[in-house]
Amino acid sequence: MCVESDGCEIEGSSSSDEVRTLSGSMSPGLKPSPDLHSCKPGQKFCDALRRYRTPAVSAGILSFGNVLNYMDRSTVAGVLLDIQRHYEVTDSGAGLLQTVFICSFMVAAPIFGYLGDRFNRKVILSCGIFFWSTVTLLSSFISKEHYWLFVLSRGLVGIGESSYSAISSTIIGDMYTSNSRTMMLSVFYLAIPLGSGLGYILGSGAKDAAEDWHWALRVSPFLGITVGALILLFVPDPKRGSADHMEGHIPHSQSWISDMKALAKNRSYVFSSLATAAVSFATGAFSMLIPIYLHRAQVVQKEVEACTKKVCSSRDSLIFGAITCVTGLLGLVIGAAATRFFRRKTERADPLVCAISMLGSAIFICLIFVVAKNSIVGAYVCIFIGETLLFVNWALTADILMFVIIPTRRATAVAFQSFTSHLLGDAGSPYLIGKISDKLQERFASSELWKFLSLGYALMLCPFIIVLGGMFFLATALYFLDDREKAEK
């Protein structure tokens, strides 16, 4: 006879069998208790699910969901040339898609952060995934006469995806601590470059296979619905602060105003949020406009023709997507290894590694626009090195937040950091840079060379913003130890 945790007896077992519980084995001679009863099928299914609700499985599902989250964002960027030609919009009109998405994302994020600190997190995550997956699928059927409706759909997708970004990392933060948490957050934030790169590849591949760019938006929704179901089944909602053994030492959730006042006084949090905004500014503009810039560079070099056909070339989106996947993995591995090494020498290792990597990234990103006119290979090499250094800080920024913010305030902190980083970063950068490019094109005679140069001049704003972000990380290092000590107390 085998006994399950709810005191029921599984049919088909004999009294001579060894008695087992979820906590271990008991002696084999025990007789069944008269209180035992046959297990219901639903109870056995729930117990089977509990055996797979381990931190590793949960973190894996949440990380895969984050891959899909970012894959959906860059799928549009992967077919942006086709969208631009189909709807007949300018550079700024194409950048508007990302701006509307990010604006709705950042407005909804604080709301989900408030809910995530107070209610069941996995239910909120699943509902958000189901919502954005459905909207993405429906947006692929919008006709060319209704571009405004396509733009609106990206705004709705942003609302759904904000629930995931604001809450999912806090669940991992409540299952792991110290170096283990750094490692798992590194895996989780690998989804940003990996998902972004796969979005380019998936979008371009689906478009080429179907010879229709609309199919780029019809693959990820089905994967998203699957992940939403997996979260409901296998991901727990751990007690806030359980991994840090702080359940009895932290206050209950306070009012939203109290949380915001505490965050505003946390200097490490404020400066790291401003640094994150600088990263978002650069990555938001790059993800939308670099494939177009590289395509125009090849048109100038007469390696390809300008896009006038029904289906535009996907070569640059595929290459950029592959580079983003590889550099994301390298950046996160380098960031985790460098931080682990330098923690032996200084307790300020996290913000210092972020600062140094960003300042190095600015140099190589600036070189992209110097060499692109004469060498596409040279431009790709600069992109590879620049992105690798830029991606070093993704997981480390989240780790800094976990160190300096108490558990009952983390979802709000993640959400508000997301709000500010998008507000000051990629909410406006694609549209702003596209607008600068359009204005430069209007002032001079239009030609393929000038289209290429004008977009390059506009994108040159990015390395200067990245340098500013490095300065903010240096400021974070000044206050990191004091703020961490306050959070631990």
Protein backbone atom coordinates (compact mmCIF):
# COMPACT_ATOMS: atom_id res chain seq x y z
CA MET A 1 0.00 0.00 0.00
CA CYS A 2 1.26 3.51 -0.86
CA VAL A 3 -0.02 6.50 1.08
CA GLU A 4 -0.24 9.95 -0.53
CA SER A 5 0.08 13.22 1.32
CA ASP A 6 -3.64 13.75 1.76
CA GLY A 7 -4.18 10.47 3.65
CA CYS A 8 -5.73 8.46 0.84
CA GLU A 9 -5.01 4.96 -0.42
CA ILE A 10 -4.05 4.23 -4.01
CA GLU A 11 -6.10 1.42 -5.51
CA GLY A 12 -4.31 -1.79 -6.39
CA SER A 13 -1.75 -1.70 -3.55
CA SER A 14 -1.40 -4.44 -0.93
CA SER A 15 -0.90 -4.33 2.82
CA SER A 16 2.49 -6.04 2.52
CA ASP A 17 4.02 -3.16 0.55
CA GLU A 18 6.34 -0.65 2.14
CA VAL A 19 4.59 2.42 3.49
CA ARG A 20 5.86 5.63 1.83
CA THR A 21 5.09 9.30 2.33
CA LEU A 22 6.24 12.34 0.47
CA SER A 23 8.81 13.00 3.19
CA GLY A 24 10.45 9.55 3.05
CA SER A 25 10.02 5.81 3.78
CA MET A 26 8.41 4.19 6.84
CA SER A 27 8.87 0.66 8.15
CA PRO A 28 7.25 -2.10 6.07
CA GLY A 29 5.11 -3.78 8.69
CA LEU A 30 2.59 -1.01 9.30
CA LYS A 31 -1.07 -1.81 8.76
CA PRO A 32 -3.38 0.54 6.95
CA SER A 33 -5.21 3.07 9.06
CA PRO A 34 -9.01 2.91 9.04
CA ASP A 35 -8.99 6.62 8.24
CA LEU A 36 -7.44 6.01 4.81
CA HIS A 37 -9.66 6.14 1.73
CA SER A 38 -9.16 5.64 -1.99
CA CYS A 39 -7.48 8.52 -3.80
CA LYS A 40 -9.59 10.42 -6.29
CA PRO A 41 -8.08 10.73 -9.80
CA GLY A 42 -7.80 14.49 -9.43
CA GLN A 43 -5.87 14.15 -6.18
CA LYS A 44 -3.31 11.81 -7.72
CA PHE A 45 -2.90 14.18 -10.67
CA CYS A 46 -2.30 17.15 -8.33
CA ASP A 47 0.29 15.15 -6.35
CA ALA A 48 2.06 14.22 -9.58
CA LEU A 49 2.19 17.91 -10.51
CA ARG A 50 3.64 18.83 -7.12
CA ARG A 51 6.61 16.54 -7.72
CA TYR A 52 7.56 18.63 -10.77
CA ARG A 53 7.05 22.02 -9.10
CA THR A 54 10.74 22.36 -8.31
CA PRO A 55 12.60 25.68 -8.43
CA ALA A 56 14.60 24.51 -11.46
CA VAL A 57 11.49 23.53 -13.45
CA SER A 58 9.72 26.74 -12.48
CA ALA A 59 12.70 28.90 -13.43
CA GLY A 60 12.97 27.06 -16.75
CA ILE A 61 9.32 27.67 -17.62
CA LEU A 62 9.54 31.33 -16.60
CA SER A 63 12.72 31.77 -18.65
CA PHE A 64 11.10 30.21 -21.72
CA GLY A 65 8.13 32.52 -21.25
CA ASN A 66 10.53 35.45 -21.18
CA VAL A 67 12.05 34.21 -24.47
CA LEU A 68 8.59 34.33 -26.06
CA ASN A 69 7.94 37.73 -24.49
CA TYR A 70 10.92 39.27 -26.27
CA MET A 71 10.55 37.14 -29.38
CA ASP A 72 7.13 38.66 -30.00
CA ARG A 73 8.59 42.17 -29.77
CA SER A 74 11.35 41.63 -32.32
CA THR A 75 9.23 39.63 -34.76
CA VAL A 76 7.78 42.93 -35.97
CA ALA A 77 11.29 44.41 -36.27
CA GLY A 78 12.37 41.37 -38.30
CA VAL A 79 9.79 42.13 -41.00
CA LEU A 80 9.81 45.92 -40.60
CA LEU A 81 10.88 46.53 -44.21
CA ASP A 82 7.82 44.59 -45.39
CA ILE A 83 5.52 46.41 -42.96
CA GLN A 84 6.96 49.76 -44.05
CA ARG A 85 6.38 48.92 -47.72
CA HIS A 86 2.94 47.31 -47.13
CA TYR A 87 1.50 50.22 -45.15
CA GLU A 88 3.56 52.87 -47.02
CA VAL A 89 4.99 54.60 -43.92
CA THR A 90 8.20 56.60 -43.31
CA ASP A 91 11.04 55.84 -40.87
CA SER A 92 9.24 57.69 -38.09
CA GLY A 93 5.99 55.85 -38.89
CA ALA A 94 7.81 52.54 -38.60
CA GLY A 95 9.43 53.63 -35.32
CA LEU A 96 5.98 54.57 -34.02
CA LEU A 97 5.14 50.86 -33.68
CA GLN A 98 7.80 50.42 -31.02
CA THR A 99 6.97 53.71 -29.32
CA VAL A 100 3.27 52.86 -28.91
CA PHE A 101 4.14 49.37 -27.69
CA ILE A 102 6.56 50.68 -25.08
CA CYS A 103 4.28 53.52 -23.93
CA SER A 104 1.44 51.12 -23.12
CA PHE A 105 3.96 48.69 -21.61
CA MET A 106 5.40 51.25 -19.20
CA VAL A 107 2.01 52.66 -18.17
CA ALA A 108 0.69 49.19 -17.31
CA ALA A 109 3.87 47.98 -15.56
CA PRO A 110 3.38 49.88 -12.24
CA ILE A 111 -0.19 48.58 -12.06
CA PHE A 112 0.97 44.98 -12.42
CA GLY A 113 3.81 45.65 -9.98
CA TYR A 114 1.25 46.74 -7.36
CA LEU A 115 -0.86 43.63 -8.03
CA GLY A 116 2.21 41.36 -8.04
CA ASP A 117 3.19 42.40 -4.51
CA ARG A 118 -0.27 41.59 -3.19
CA PHE A 119 -2.00 38.85 -5.20
CA ASN A 120 -1.29 35.48 -6.84
CA ARG A 121 1.53 36.12 -9.26
CA LYS A 122 1.25 33.08 -11.50
CA VAL A 123 -2.42 33.78 -12.28
CA ILE A 124 -1.54 37.32 -13.34
CA LEU A 125 1.32 36.00 -15.52
CA SER A 126 -0.88 33.45 -17.28
CA CYS A 127 -3.66 35.93 -17.99
CA GLY A 128 -1.14 38.39 -19.42
CA ILE A 129 0.35 35.75 -21.75
CA PHE A 130 -3.07 34.62 -22.99
CA PHE A 131 -4.02 38.24 -23.70
CA TRP A 132 -0.95 39.31 -25.71
CA SER A 133 -0.87 36.03 -27.63
CA THR A 134 -4.46 36.49 -28.76
CA VAL A 135 -3.95 40.13 -29.78
CA THR A 136 -0.76 39.31 -31.72
CA LEU A 137 -2.56 36.62 -33.69
CA LEU A 138 -5.50 38.89 -34.51
CA SER A 139 -3.19 41.73 -35.60
CA SER A 140 -1.89 39.61 -38.48
CA PHE A 141 -5.28 39.95 -40.22
CA ILE A 142 -5.41 43.78 -40.27
CA SER A 143 -5.69 45.20 -43.79
CA LYS A 144 -3.33 47.78 -45.32
CA GLU A 145 -5.99 50.54 -45.09
CA HIS A 146 -5.98 50.42 -41.27
CA TYR A 147 -2.41 51.05 -40.16
CA TRP A 148 -3.71 52.90 -37.10
CA LEU A 149 -5.40 49.67 -35.98
CA PHE A 150 -2.13 47.77 -36.39
CA VAL A 151 -0.39 50.40 -34.26
CA LEU A 152 -3.16 50.11 -31.65
CA SER A 153 -2.73 46.32 -31.53
CA ARG A 154 0.94 46.77 -30.62
CA GLY A 155 -0.19 48.97 -27.73
CA LEU A 156 -2.50 46.22 -26.46
CA VAL A 157 0.29 43.66 -26.74
CA GLY A 158 2.44 45.95 -24.60
CA ILE A 159 -0.15 45.83 -21.81
CA GLY A 160 -0.14 42.03 -21.80
CA GLU A 161 3.62 41.73 -21.88
CA SER A 162 4.13 44.24 -19.07
CA SER A 163 2.47 41.84 -16.61
CA TYR A 164 5.15 39.25 -17.36
CA SER A 165 8.13 41.57 -17.20
CA ALA A 166 7.01 43.15 -13.92
CA ILE A 167 6.36 39.95 -11.98
CA SER A 168 8.19 36.89 -13.34
CA SER A 169 11.69 37.76 -12.07
CA THR A 170 10.39 38.29 -8.53
CA ILE A 171 9.23 34.66 -8.38
CA ILE A 172 12.77 33.52 -9.22
CA GLY A 173 14.07 35.98 -6.62
CA ASP A 174 11.92 34.24 -3.99
CA MET A 175 13.22 30.76 -4.92
CA TYR A 176 16.98 31.45 -4.98
CA THR A 177 19.52 33.61 -3.20
CA SER A 178 23.18 34.74 -3.43
CA ASN A 179 25.23 33.31 -6.34
CA SER A 180 22.46 30.82 -7.20
CA ARG A 181 20.07 33.70 -7.74
CA THR A 182 22.62 35.53 -9.89
CA MET A 183 23.00 32.42 -12.03
CA MET A 184 19.25 31.81 -12.41
CA LEU A 185 18.58 35.46 -13.16
CA SER A 186 21.32 35.28 -15.79
CA VAL A 187 19.48 32.37 -17.41
CA PHE A 188 16.20 34.27 -17.13
CA TYR A 189 17.62 37.45 -18.66
CA LEU A 190 19.33 35.48 -21.40
CA ALA A 191 15.79 35.51 -22.79
CA ILE A 192 16.16 39.19 -23.70
CA PRO A 193 18.85 38.80 -26.39
CA LEU A 194 17.93 35.18 -27.17
CA GLY A 195 14.25 35.98 -27.61
CA SER A 196 15.02 39.13 -29.54
CA GLY A 197 17.36 37.25 -31.89
CA LEU A 198 14.93 34.36 -32.35
CA GLY A 199 12.19 36.89 -33.11
CA TYR A 200 14.16 38.16 -36.11
CA ILE A 201 14.90 34.60 -37.23
CA LEU A 202 11.37 33.30 -36.68
CA GLY A 203 9.75 36.32 -38.32
CA SER A 204 12.02 36.22 -41.35
CA GLY A 205 11.79 32.44 -41.67
CA ALA A 206 8.00 32.33 -41.44
CA LYS A 207 7.73 35.18 -43.95
CA ASP A 208 10.03 33.49 -46.45
CA ALA A 209 8.32 30.11 -46.05
CA ALA A 210 4.84 31.53 -46.61
CA GLU A 211 5.96 34.39 -48.90
CA ASP A 212 3.78 36.62 -46.75
CA TRP A 213 5.02 38.71 -43.80
CA HIS A 214 1.71 38.28 -41.93
CA TRP A 215 2.71 34.72 -41.03
CA ALA A 216 5.54 36.11 -38.93
CA LEU A 217 2.88 37.07 -36.36
CA ARG A 218 1.09 33.72 -36.36
CA VAL A 219 3.65 31.40 -34.74
CA SER A 220 4.58 32.83 -31.33
CA PRO A 221 0.94 33.18 -30.11
CA PHE A 222 0.48 29.40 -30.00
CA LEU A 223 3.73 28.97 -28.08
CA GLY A 224 2.61 31.72 -25.69
CA ILE A 225 -0.67 29.98 -24.89
CA THR A 226 1.26 26.78 -24.16
CA VAL A 227 3.59 28.57 -21.74
CA GLY A 228 0.62 30.20 -19.99
CA ALA A 229 -0.84 26.75 -19.32
CA LEU A 230 2.52 25.44 -18.06
CA ILE A 231 2.79 28.33 -15.60
CA LEU A 232 -0.64 27.56 -14.17
CA LEU A 233 0.26 23.88 -13.75
CA PHE A 234 3.90 23.82 -12.66
CA VAL A 235 4.98 27.23 -11.31
CA PRO A 236 4.27 27.93 -7.62
CA ASP A 237 3.79 31.33 -6.04
CA PRO A 238 6.42 31.16 -3.23
CA LYS A 239 6.14 33.25 -0.10
CA ARG A 240 7.77 36.62 -0.55
CA GLY A 241 11.21 36.60 1.06
CA SER A 242 11.25 32.82 1.60
CA ALA A 243 14.60 32.26 -0.16
CA ASP A 244 16.22 34.97 1.97
CA HIS A 245 14.69 33.49 5.15
CA MET A 246 13.14 36.86 5.85
CA GLU A 247 9.45 35.89 6.18
CA GLY A 248 9.38 36.77 9.85
CA HIS A 249 11.56 39.86 9.57
CA ILE A 250 9.92 41.85 6.77
CA PRO A 251 6.79 43.97 7.09
CA HIS A 252 3.58 43.19 5.28
CA SER A 253 2.91 45.00 2.01
CA GLN A 254 2.38 48.69 2.66
CA SER A 255 0.54 51.30 0.64
CA TRP A 256 1.69 52.12 -2.87
CA ILE A 257 2.63 55.65 -1.75
CA SER A 258 4.85 54.27 1.01
CA ASP A 259 6.55 51.94 -1.45
CA MET A 260 7.22 54.76 -3.90
CA LYS A 261 8.66 57.02 -1.18
CA ALA A 262 11.03 54.26 -0.08
CA LEU A 263 12.14 53.59 -3.66
CA ALA A 264 12.74 57.29 -4.33
CA LYS A 265 15.08 57.43 -1.29
CA ASN A 266 17.04 54.38 -2.45
CA ARG A 267 19.91 55.97 -4.39
CA SER A 268 21.27 52.70 -5.77
CA TYR A 269 17.85 51.90 -7.18
CA VAL A 270 17.40 55.37 -8.70
CA PHE A 271 20.80 55.47 -10.42
CA SER A 272 20.60 51.87 -11.67
CA SER A 273 17.14 52.64 -13.09
CA LEU A 274 18.54 55.64 -14.97
CA ALA A 275 21.37 53.45 -16.29
CA THR A 276 18.82 50.88 -17.43
CA ALA A 277 16.99 53.65 -19.28
CA ALA A 278 20.19 54.38 -21.23
CA VAL A 279 20.47 50.71 -22.20
CA SER A 280 16.82 50.67 -23.26
CA PHE A 281 17.28 53.79 -25.38
CA ALA A 282 20.08 52.16 -27.37
CA THR A 283 18.63 48.65 -27.66
CA GLY A 284 15.17 49.95 -28.57
CA ALA A 285 16.52 52.03 -31.46
CA PHE A 286 18.92 49.32 -32.58
CA SER A 287 16.39 46.50 -32.58
CA MET A 288 14.04 48.42 -34.88
CA LEU A 289 16.38 50.37 -37.16
CA ILE A 290 19.77 48.62 -37.47
CA PRO A 291 18.51 45.98 -39.98
CA ILE A 292 17.18 48.81 -42.16
CA TYR A 293 20.46 50.71 -41.80
CA LEU A 294 22.53 47.68 -42.82
CA HIS A 295 20.24 47.03 -45.79
CA ARG A 296 20.71 50.62 -46.96
CA ALA A 297 24.48 50.26 -46.52
CA GLN A 298 24.44 47.32 -48.92
CA VAL A 299 22.27 49.25 -51.37
CA VAL A 300 24.89 52.02 -51.35
CA GLN A 301 27.63 49.44 -51.95
CA LYS A 302 25.47 47.99 -54.78
CA GLU A 303 25.46 44.55 -53.18
CA VAL A 304 21.63 44.45 -53.09
CA GLU A 305 18.78 46.40 -54.64
CA ALA A 306 16.36 48.67 -52.77
CA CYS A 307 13.22 46.90 -51.53
CA THR A 308 10.51 47.34 -54.17
CA LYS A 309 9.31 43.74 -54.44
CA LYS A 310 6.43 42.04 -52.67
CA VAL A 311 8.75 40.31 -50.19
CA CYS A 312 11.86 42.20 -49.04
CA SER A 313 15.20 40.52 -48.36
CA SER A 314 15.48 38.91 -44.91
CA ARG A 315 19.25 38.51 -44.93
CA ASP A 316 20.09 41.37 -42.57
CA SER A 317 17.33 40.48 -40.12
CA LEU A 318 18.53 36.87 -40.01
CA ILE A 319 22.17 37.82 -39.47
CA PHE A 320 21.33 40.47 -36.88
CA GLY A 321 19.06 37.99 -35.09
CA ALA A 322 21.77 35.32 -34.98
CA ILE A 323 24.32 37.85 -33.71
CA THR A 324 21.90 38.99 -31.00
CA CYS A 325 21.38 35.39 -29.81
CA VAL A 326 25.11 34.66 -29.59
CA THR A 327 26.10 37.99 -28.05
CA GLY A 328 23.32 37.69 -25.50
CA LEU A 329 24.64 34.34 -24.33
CA LEU A 330 28.23 35.58 -24.28
CA GLY A 331 27.32 38.80 -22.49
CA LEU A 332 25.41 37.09 -19.71
CA VAL A 333 28.09 34.41 -19.21
CA ILE A 334 30.81 37.07 -19.12
CA GLY A 335 28.75 39.21 -16.74
CA ALA A 336 28.08 36.35 -14.30
CA ALA A 337 31.70 35.15 -14.40
CA ALA A 338 33.18 38.64 -14.05
CA THR A 339 30.91 39.50 -11.15
CA ARG A 340 31.65 36.22 -9.36
CA PHE A 341 35.40 36.89 -9.77
CA PHE A 342 35.38 40.54 -8.72
CA ARG A 343 33.13 39.91 -5.70
CA ARG A 344 36.23 38.37 -4.10
CA LYS A 345 37.98 41.73 -4.47
CA THR A 346 35.19 44.24 -3.90
CA GLU A 347 31.59 44.13 -2.73
CA ARG A 348 30.73 46.79 -5.30
CA ALA A 349 31.44 44.35 -8.16
CA ASP A 350 27.92 44.32 -9.65
CA PRO A 351 27.58 48.05 -10.55
CA LEU A 352 31.28 48.39 -11.43
CA VAL A 353 31.15 45.53 -13.97
CA CYS A 354 28.04 47.13 -15.50
CA ALA A 355 29.74 50.52 -15.78
CA ILE A 356 32.93 49.23 -17.41
CA SER A 357 31.05 47.07 -19.92
CA MET A 358 28.81 49.95 -20.99
CA LEU A 359 31.70 52.35 -21.53
CA GLY A 360 33.47 49.72 -23.63
CA SER A 361 30.28 49.04 -25.60
CA ALA A 362 29.94 52.72 -26.57
CA ILE A 363 33.30 52.63 -28.37
CA PHE A 364 32.41 49.72 -30.66
CA ILE A 365 28.85 50.92 -31.33
CA CYS A 366 30.26 54.26 -32.44
CA LEU A 367 32.60 52.43 -34.83
CA ILE A 368 29.63 50.77 -36.57
CA PHE A 369 28.75 54.01 -38.32
CA VAL A 370 32.36 54.67 -39.28
CA VAL A 371 32.94 51.37 -41.11
CA ALA A 372 29.45 50.49 -42.42
CA LYS A 373 29.78 52.54 -45.62
CA ASN A 374 32.84 50.58 -46.78
CA SER A 375 32.57 47.21 -45.02
CA ILE A 376 29.43 45.36 -43.96
CA VAL A 377 31.59 42.63 -42.37
CA GLY A 378 33.39 45.27 -40.30
CA ALA A 379 30.02 46.67 -39.20
CA TYR A 380 28.87 43.23 -38.10
CA VAL A 381 32.10 42.72 -36.11
CA CYS A 382 31.53 46.02 -34.28
CA ILE A 383 27.91 45.07 -33.63
CA PHE A 384 29.02 41.71 -32.22
CA ILE A 385 31.51 43.20 -29.75
CA GLY A 386 29.33 46.19 -28.84
CA GLU A 387 26.24 44.07 -28.16
CA THR A 388 28.23 41.52 -26.13
CA LEU A 389 29.48 44.26 -23.79
CA LEU A 390 26.04 45.87 -23.63
CA PHE A 391 24.33 42.60 -22.67
CA VAL A 392 26.72 42.03 -19.75
CA ASN A 393 24.56 44.18 -17.48
CA TRP A 394 21.04 42.72 -18.07
CA ALA A 395 21.05 40.15 -15.26
CA LEU A 396 23.35 42.21 -13.04
CA THR A 397 20.88 45.12 -12.99
CA ALA A 398 18.17 42.78 -11.72
CA ASP A 399 20.58 41.34 -9.17
CA ILE A 400 21.38 44.84 -7.88
CA LEU A 401 17.67 45.43 -7.39
CA MET A 402 17.26 42.16 -5.45
CA PHE A 403 20.12 43.17 -3.13
CA VAL A 404 18.87 46.68 -2.28
CA ILE A 405 15.05 46.18 -2.22
CA ILE A 406 13.11 44.20 0.40
CA PRO A 407 11.05 41.23 -0.95
CA THR A 408 7.59 42.72 -0.40
CA ARG A 409 8.53 45.71 -2.53
CA ARG A 410 10.37 43.97 -5.38
CA ALA A 411 7.54 43.61 -7.89
CA THR A 412 6.73 47.30 -7.48
CA ALA A 413 10.43 48.13 -7.84
CA VAL A 414 10.81 46.02 -11.00
CA ALA A 415 7.65 47.53 -12.47
CA PHE A 416 8.61 51.13 -11.74
CA GLN A 417 12.15 50.54 -12.99
CA SER A 418 10.60 49.17 -16.16
CA PHE A 419 8.36 52.26 -16.36
CA THR A 420 11.19 54.76 -15.99
CA SER A 421 13.62 52.89 -18.23
CA HIS A 422 11.05 52.70 -21.01
CA LEU A 423 9.82 56.26 -20.49
CA LEU A 424 13.33 57.66 -20.79
CA GLY A 425 14.56 54.91 -23.13
CA ASP A 426 12.96 52.90 -25.89
CA ALA A 427 9.51 54.49 -25.61
CA GLY A 428 10.77 57.38 -27.68
CA SER A 429 14.12 56.37 -29.15
CA PRO A 430 12.89 54.52 -32.29
CA TYR A 431 10.45 57.31 -33.17
CA LEU A 432 12.91 60.08 -32.23
CA ILE A 433 15.74 58.64 -34.30
CA GLY A 434 13.37 57.90 -37.17
CA LYS A 435 12.12 61.50 -37.00
CA ILE A 436 15.68 62.88 -37.07
CA SER A 437 16.38 60.68 -40.09
CA ASP A 438 13.24 61.93 -41.86
CA LYS A 439 14.13 65.57 -41.19
CA LEU A 440 17.65 65.09 -42.54
CA GLN A 441 16.27 63.47 -45.67
CA GLU A 442 13.89 66.39 -46.23
CA ARG A 443 16.68 68.97 -46.15
CA PHE A 444 18.67 67.43 -49.00
CA ALA A 445 17.95 65.76 -52.32
CA SER A 446 16.67 62.27 -51.72
CA SER A 447 18.99 59.45 -52.77
CA GLU A 448 19.91 55.99 -51.54
CA LEU A 449 23.22 57.35 -50.22
CA TRP A 450 21.56 60.13 -48.26
CA LYS A 451 18.90 57.75 -46.84
CA PHE A 452 21.75 55.62 -45.52
CA LEU A 453 23.74 58.57 -44.13
CA SER A 454 20.75 60.31 -42.52
CA LEU A 455 19.76 57.18 -40.58
CA GLY A 456 23.39 56.67 -39.53
CA TYR A 457 23.69 60.25 -38.28
CA ALA A 458 20.49 59.81 -36.27
CA LEU A 459 21.69 56.50 -34.75
CA MET A 460 24.95 58.16 -33.63
CA LEU A 461 22.97 59.49 -30.68
CA CYS A 462 22.98 55.98 -29.14
CA PRO A 463 26.67 55.68 -28.08
CA PHE A 464 26.50 59.02 -26.28
CA ILE A 465 23.48 57.82 -24.29
CA ILE A 466 25.32 54.59 -23.47
CA VAL A 467 28.25 56.57 -22.01
CA LEU A 468 25.76 58.45 -19.84
CA GLY A 469 24.39 55.09 -18.62
CA GLY A 470 27.92 54.01 -17.65
CA MET A 471 28.20 57.13 -15.51
CA PHE A 472 24.97 56.25 -13.74
CA PHE A 473 26.30 52.77 -12.92
CA LEU A 474 29.40 54.37 -11.40
CA ALA A 475 27.10 56.48 -9.24
CA THR A 476 25.25 53.31 -8.23
CA ALA A 477 28.53 51.81 -7.00
CA LEU A 478 28.97 54.72 -4.57
CA TYR A 479 25.77 53.95 -2.65
CA PHE A 480 25.39 50.19 -3.26
CA LEU A 481 26.81 48.93 0.05
CA ASP A 482 24.79 51.33 2.22
CA ASP A 483 21.51 50.52 0.47
CA ARG A 484 22.17 46.77 0.60
CA GLU A 485 22.81 46.97 4.34
CA LYS A 486 19.54 48.84 4.88
CA ALA A 487 17.61 46.19 2.92
CA GLU A 488 19.19 43.35 4.92
CA LYS A 489 18.22 45.00 8.20
